[in-house]
Amino acid sequence: MNSSNSPFSFSGMFASVAFTALAVVTSYAIPVVTGAMPEARAASPSKLGDLAAFRSIAADVGSLVDKGDLAGAKKRVKDLEIAWDSAEAGLKPRAAADWHLVDKSLDRTLEALRASSAKTTDCKAAVTELIKLMAQMAGV
């Protein structure tokens, strides 16, 4: 059979493969690291996965801080610390940079609540930052 009469010509197959490769490459977003603050992140979900359970505990901490119950918030943030640390082995390999951002924000919240003279304003700022960052990681 003559190759010019064949419906499966080499040039047709090459064009098809090239088009498919181009479609696949352009369908994925390529992240760009610019050194911007975490607040500048796009609203796309992190590869960390579902952080809803952590966000729920952080929201509880925030509610306690809003009520002025810093002792209760200090106790509840311990639950968040334990849950976060327990999940580290599963979360960190998925998106190490994102994990570190949340971890550092959690550290600031722990520091604020555990300060010898904890201040409601500092605690509220820290927990608000943590909740906001977790929401950004979720693409909210």
C-alpha atoms as a PDB file:
ATOM      1  CA  MET A   1       0.000   0.000   0.000  1.00  0.00           C
ATOM      2  CA  ASN A   2       1.264   3.471  -0.839  1.00  0.00           C
ATOM      3  CA  SER A   3       2.035   5.577   2.248  1.00  0.00           C
ATOM      4  CA  SER A   4       0.489   8.667   0.698  1.00  0.00           C
ATOM      5  CA  ASN A   5      -2.868   6.841   0.518  1.00  0.00           C
ATOM      6  CA  SER A   6      -2.665   5.579   4.112  1.00  0.00           C
ATOM      7  CA  PRO A   7      -4.839   7.383   6.658  1.00  0.00           C
ATOM      8  CA  PHE A   8      -1.998   6.931   9.163  1.00  0.00           C
ATOM      9  CA  SER A   9       0.779   8.931   7.558  1.00  0.00           C
ATOM     10  CA  PHE A  10       3.898   9.770   9.541  1.00  0.00           C
ATOM     11  CA  SER A  11       3.365  13.519   9.221  1.00  0.00           C
ATOM     12  CA  GLY A  12      -0.231  13.192  10.423  1.00  0.00           C
ATOM     13  CA  MET A  13       0.837  11.124  13.430  1.00  0.00           C
ATOM     14  CA  PHE A  14       3.612  13.595  14.253  1.00  0.00           C
ATOM     15  CA  ALA A  15       1.203  16.532  14.107  1.00  0.00           C
ATOM     16  CA  SER A  16      -1.259  14.687  16.332  1.00  0.00           C
ATOM     17  CA  VAL A  17       1.400  13.837  18.926  1.00  0.00           C
ATOM     18  CA  ALA A  18       2.778  17.387  18.880  1.00  0.00           C
ATOM     19  CA  PHE A  19      -0.700  18.876  19.341  1.00  0.00           C
ATOM     20  CA  THR A  20      -1.492  16.486  22.193  1.00  0.00           C
ATOM     21  CA  ALA A  21       1.808  17.270  23.935  1.00  0.00           C
ATOM     22  CA  LEU A  22       1.163  20.991  23.587  1.00  0.00           C
ATOM     23  CA  ALA A  23      -2.346  20.600  25.006  1.00  0.00           C
ATOM     24  CA  VAL A  24      -1.058  18.653  27.995  1.00  0.00           C
ATOM     25  CA  VAL A  25       1.752  21.107  28.740  1.00  0.00           C
ATOM     26  CA  THR A  26      -0.464  24.180  28.537  1.00  0.00           C
ATOM     27  CA  SER A  27      -3.217  22.673  30.685  1.00  0.00           C
ATOM     28  CA  TYR A  28      -1.025  22.701  33.810  1.00  0.00           C
ATOM     29  CA  ALA A  29      -0.296  25.873  35.725  1.00  0.00           C
ATOM     30  CA  ILE A  30       3.375  26.351  36.481  1.00  0.00           C
ATOM     31  CA  PRO A  31       3.912  28.053  39.830  1.00  0.00           C
ATOM     32  CA  VAL A  32       6.251  31.008  39.924  1.00  0.00           C
ATOM     33  CA  VAL A  33       8.124  31.796  43.114  1.00  0.00           C
ATOM     34  CA  THR A  34       8.577  35.520  43.477  1.00  0.00           C
ATOM     35  CA  GLY A  35       9.464  35.924  47.126  1.00  0.00           C
ATOM     36  CA  ALA A  36       6.111  37.570  47.762  1.00  0.00           C
ATOM     37  CA  MET A  37       4.465  37.418  51.156  1.00  0.00           C
ATOM     38  CA  PRO A  38       2.029  34.532  51.780  1.00  0.00           C
ATOM     39  CA  GLU A  39      -0.875  36.994  51.433  1.00  0.00           C
ATOM     40  CA  ALA A  40      -0.005  37.345  47.741  1.00  0.00           C
ATOM     41  CA  ARG A  41      -0.635  33.650  47.021  1.00  0.00           C
ATOM     42  CA  ALA A  42      -3.159  32.854  44.354  1.00  0.00           C
ATOM     43  CA  ALA A  43      -6.409  31.296  45.505  1.00  0.00           C
ATOM     44  CA  SER A  44      -5.436  27.838  44.324  1.00  0.00           C
ATOM     45  CA  PRO A  45      -5.415  24.917  46.703  1.00  0.00           C
ATOM     46  CA  SER A  46      -2.135  23.800  48.172  1.00  0.00           C
ATOM     47  CA  LYS A  47      -0.930  20.274  47.636  1.00  0.00           C
ATOM     48  CA  LEU A  48      -1.088  19.899  51.417  1.00  0.00           C
ATOM     49  CA  GLY A  49      -4.635  18.684  50.954  1.00  0.00           C
ATOM     50  CA  ASP A  50      -7.623  19.170  53.192  1.00  0.00           C
ATOM     51  CA  LEU A  51      -6.749  21.330  56.180  1.00  0.00           C
ATOM     52  CA  ALA A  52     -10.357  21.641  57.391  1.00  0.00           C
ATOM     53  CA  ALA A  53      -9.749  19.794  60.662  1.00  0.00           C
ATOM     54  CA  PHE A  54      -6.827  22.093  61.485  1.00  0.00           C
ATOM     55  CA  ARG A  55      -8.800  25.186  60.450  1.00  0.00           C
ATOM     56  CA  SER A  56     -11.650  24.092  62.719  1.00  0.00           C
ATOM     57  CA  ILE A  57      -9.359  23.870  65.745  1.00  0.00           C
ATOM     58  CA  ALA A  58      -7.771  27.221  64.833  1.00  0.00           C
ATOM     59  CA  ALA A  59     -11.267  28.745  64.613  1.00  0.00           C
ATOM     60  CA  ASP A  60     -12.009  27.387  68.107  1.00  0.00           C
ATOM     61  CA  VAL A  61      -8.816  29.031  69.347  1.00  0.00           C
ATOM     62  CA  GLY A  62      -9.858  32.282  67.662  1.00  0.00           C
ATOM     63  CA  SER A  63     -13.293  32.170  69.302  1.00  0.00           C
ATOM     64  CA  LEU A  64     -11.727  31.678  72.724  1.00  0.00           C
ATOM     65  CA  VAL A  65      -9.343  34.581  72.123  1.00  0.00           C
ATOM     66  CA  ASP A  66     -12.277  36.757  71.004  1.00  0.00           C
ATOM     67  CA  LYS A  67     -14.024  35.951  74.306  1.00  0.00           C
ATOM     68  CA  GLY A  68     -10.869  36.916  76.216  1.00  0.00           C
ATOM     69  CA  ASP A  69     -10.371  33.334  77.376  1.00  0.00           C
ATOM     70  CA  LEU A  70      -6.627  33.152  76.748  1.00  0.00           C
ATOM     71  CA  ALA A  71      -6.205  30.239  79.167  1.00  0.00           C
ATOM     72  CA  GLY A  72      -8.807  28.238  77.227  1.00  0.00           C
ATOM     73  CA  ALA A  73      -7.226  29.272  73.913  1.00  0.00           C
ATOM     74  CA  LYS A  74      -3.824  28.167  75.207  1.00  0.00           C
ATOM     75  CA  LYS A  75      -5.251  24.733  76.061  1.00  0.00           C
ATOM     76  CA  ARG A  76      -7.061  24.403  72.710  1.00  0.00           C
ATOM     77  CA  VAL A  77      -4.035  25.478  70.652  1.00  0.00           C
ATOM     78  CA  LYS A  78      -2.167  22.549  72.230  1.00  0.00           C
ATOM     79  CA  ASP A  79      -4.683  20.271  70.435  1.00  0.00           C
ATOM     80  CA  LEU A  80      -3.826  22.015  67.170  1.00  0.00           C
ATOM     81  CA  GLU A  81      -0.096  21.670  67.812  1.00  0.00           C
ATOM     82  CA  ILE A  82      -0.429  17.941  68.500  1.00  0.00           C
ATOM     83  CA  ALA A  83      -2.651  17.350  65.452  1.00  0.00           C
ATOM     84  CA  TRP A  84      -0.335  19.348  63.171  1.00  0.00           C
ATOM     85  CA  ASP A  85       2.808  17.640  64.433  1.00  0.00           C
ATOM     86  CA  SER A  86       1.178  14.213  64.137  1.00  0.00           C
ATOM     87  CA  ALA A  87       0.262  14.923  60.509  1.00  0.00           C
ATOM     88  CA  GLU A  88       3.707  16.273  59.557  1.00  0.00           C
ATOM     89  CA  ALA A  89       4.980  13.034  58.010  1.00  0.00           C
ATOM     90  CA  GLY A  90       2.001  12.885  55.670  1.00  0.00           C
ATOM     91  CA  LEU A  91       1.688  16.584  54.865  1.00  0.00           C
ATOM     92  CA  LYS A  92       5.218  17.930  54.574  1.00  0.00           C
ATOM     93  CA  PRO A  93       6.325  15.738  51.627  1.00  0.00           C
ATOM     94  CA  ARG A  94       3.303  16.921  49.595  1.00  0.00           C
ATOM     95  CA  ALA A  95       4.263  20.601  49.694  1.00  0.00           C
ATOM     96  CA  ALA A  96       7.192  21.380  51.983  1.00  0.00           C
ATOM     97  CA  ALA A  97       7.195  25.142  51.376  1.00  0.00           C
ATOM     98  CA  ASP A  98       3.480  25.433  52.161  1.00  0.00           C
ATOM     99  CA  TRP A  99       3.882  23.201  55.204  1.00  0.00           C
ATOM    100  CA  HIS A 100       6.652  25.467  56.526  1.00  0.00           C
ATOM    101  CA  LEU A 101       4.503  28.588  56.027  1.00  0.00           C
ATOM    102  CA  VAL A 102       1.683  27.110  58.095  1.00  0.00           C
ATOM    103  CA  ASP A 103       4.108  25.682  60.661  1.00  0.00           C
ATOM    104  CA  LYS A 104       5.773  29.075  61.211  1.00  0.00           C
ATOM    105  CA  SER A 105       2.376  30.754  61.525  1.00  0.00           C
ATOM    106  CA  LEU A 106       1.337  28.140  64.083  1.00  0.00           C
ATOM    107  CA  ASP A 107       4.609  28.769  65.955  1.00  0.00           C
ATOM    108  CA  ARG A 108       3.767  32.499  66.138  1.00  0.00           C
ATOM    109  CA  THR A 109       0.311  31.640  67.498  1.00  0.00           C
ATOM    110  CA  LEU A 110       1.817  29.327  70.109  1.00  0.00           C
ATOM    111  CA  GLU A 111       4.344  32.000  71.132  1.00  0.00           C
ATOM    112  CA  ALA A 112       1.630  34.635  71.506  1.00  0.00           C
ATOM    113  CA  LEU A 113      -0.618  32.402  73.608  1.00  0.00           C
ATOM    114  CA  ARG A 114       2.239  31.030  75.735  1.00  0.00           C
ATOM    115  CA  ALA A 115       3.870  34.382  76.438  1.00  0.00           C
ATOM    116  CA  SER A 116       4.329  35.046  80.150  1.00  0.00           C
ATOM    117  CA  SER A 117       2.100  38.092  79.762  1.00  0.00           C
ATOM    118  CA  ALA A 118      -0.054  37.055  76.815  1.00  0.00           C
ATOM    119  CA  LYS A 119      -1.801  40.001  75.184  1.00  0.00           C
ATOM    120  CA  THR A 120      -5.196  39.535  73.585  1.00  0.00           C
ATOM    121  CA  THR A 121      -4.249  41.748  70.618  1.00  0.00           C
ATOM    122  CA  ASP A 122      -1.097  39.730  69.870  1.00  0.00           C
ATOM    123  CA  CYS A 123      -2.957  36.435  70.231  1.00  0.00           C
ATOM    124  CA  LYS A 124      -5.793  37.626  68.001  1.00  0.00           C
ATOM    125  CA  ALA A 125      -3.377  38.837  65.311  1.00  0.00           C
ATOM    126  CA  ALA A 126      -1.447  35.550  65.349  1.00  0.00           C
ATOM    127  CA  VAL A 127      -4.489  33.274  65.226  1.00  0.00           C
ATOM    128  CA  THR A 128      -6.138  35.441  62.553  1.00  0.00           C
ATOM    129  CA  GLU A 129      -2.991  35.165  60.408  1.00  0.00           C
ATOM    130  CA  LEU A 130      -2.978  31.381  60.911  1.00  0.00           C
ATOM    131  CA  ILE A 131      -6.640  30.978  59.952  1.00  0.00           C
ATOM    132  CA  LYS A 132      -6.198  33.232  56.919  1.00  0.00           C
ATOM    133  CA  LEU A 133      -3.137  31.288  55.756  1.00  0.00           C
ATOM    134  CA  MET A 134      -4.904  27.946  56.141  1.00  0.00           C
ATOM    135  CA  ALA A 135      -7.850  29.317  54.134  1.00  0.00           C
ATOM    136  CA  GLN A 136      -5.442  30.434  51.397  1.00  0.00           C
ATOM    137  CA  MET A 137      -3.893  26.969  51.359  1.00  0.00           C
ATOM    138  CA  ALA A 138      -7.383  25.556  50.855  1.00  0.00           C
ATOM    139  CA  GLY A 139      -7.975  27.942  47.932  1.00  0.00           C
ATOM    140  CA  VAL A 140     -10.697  29.839  49.798  1.00  0.00           C
END
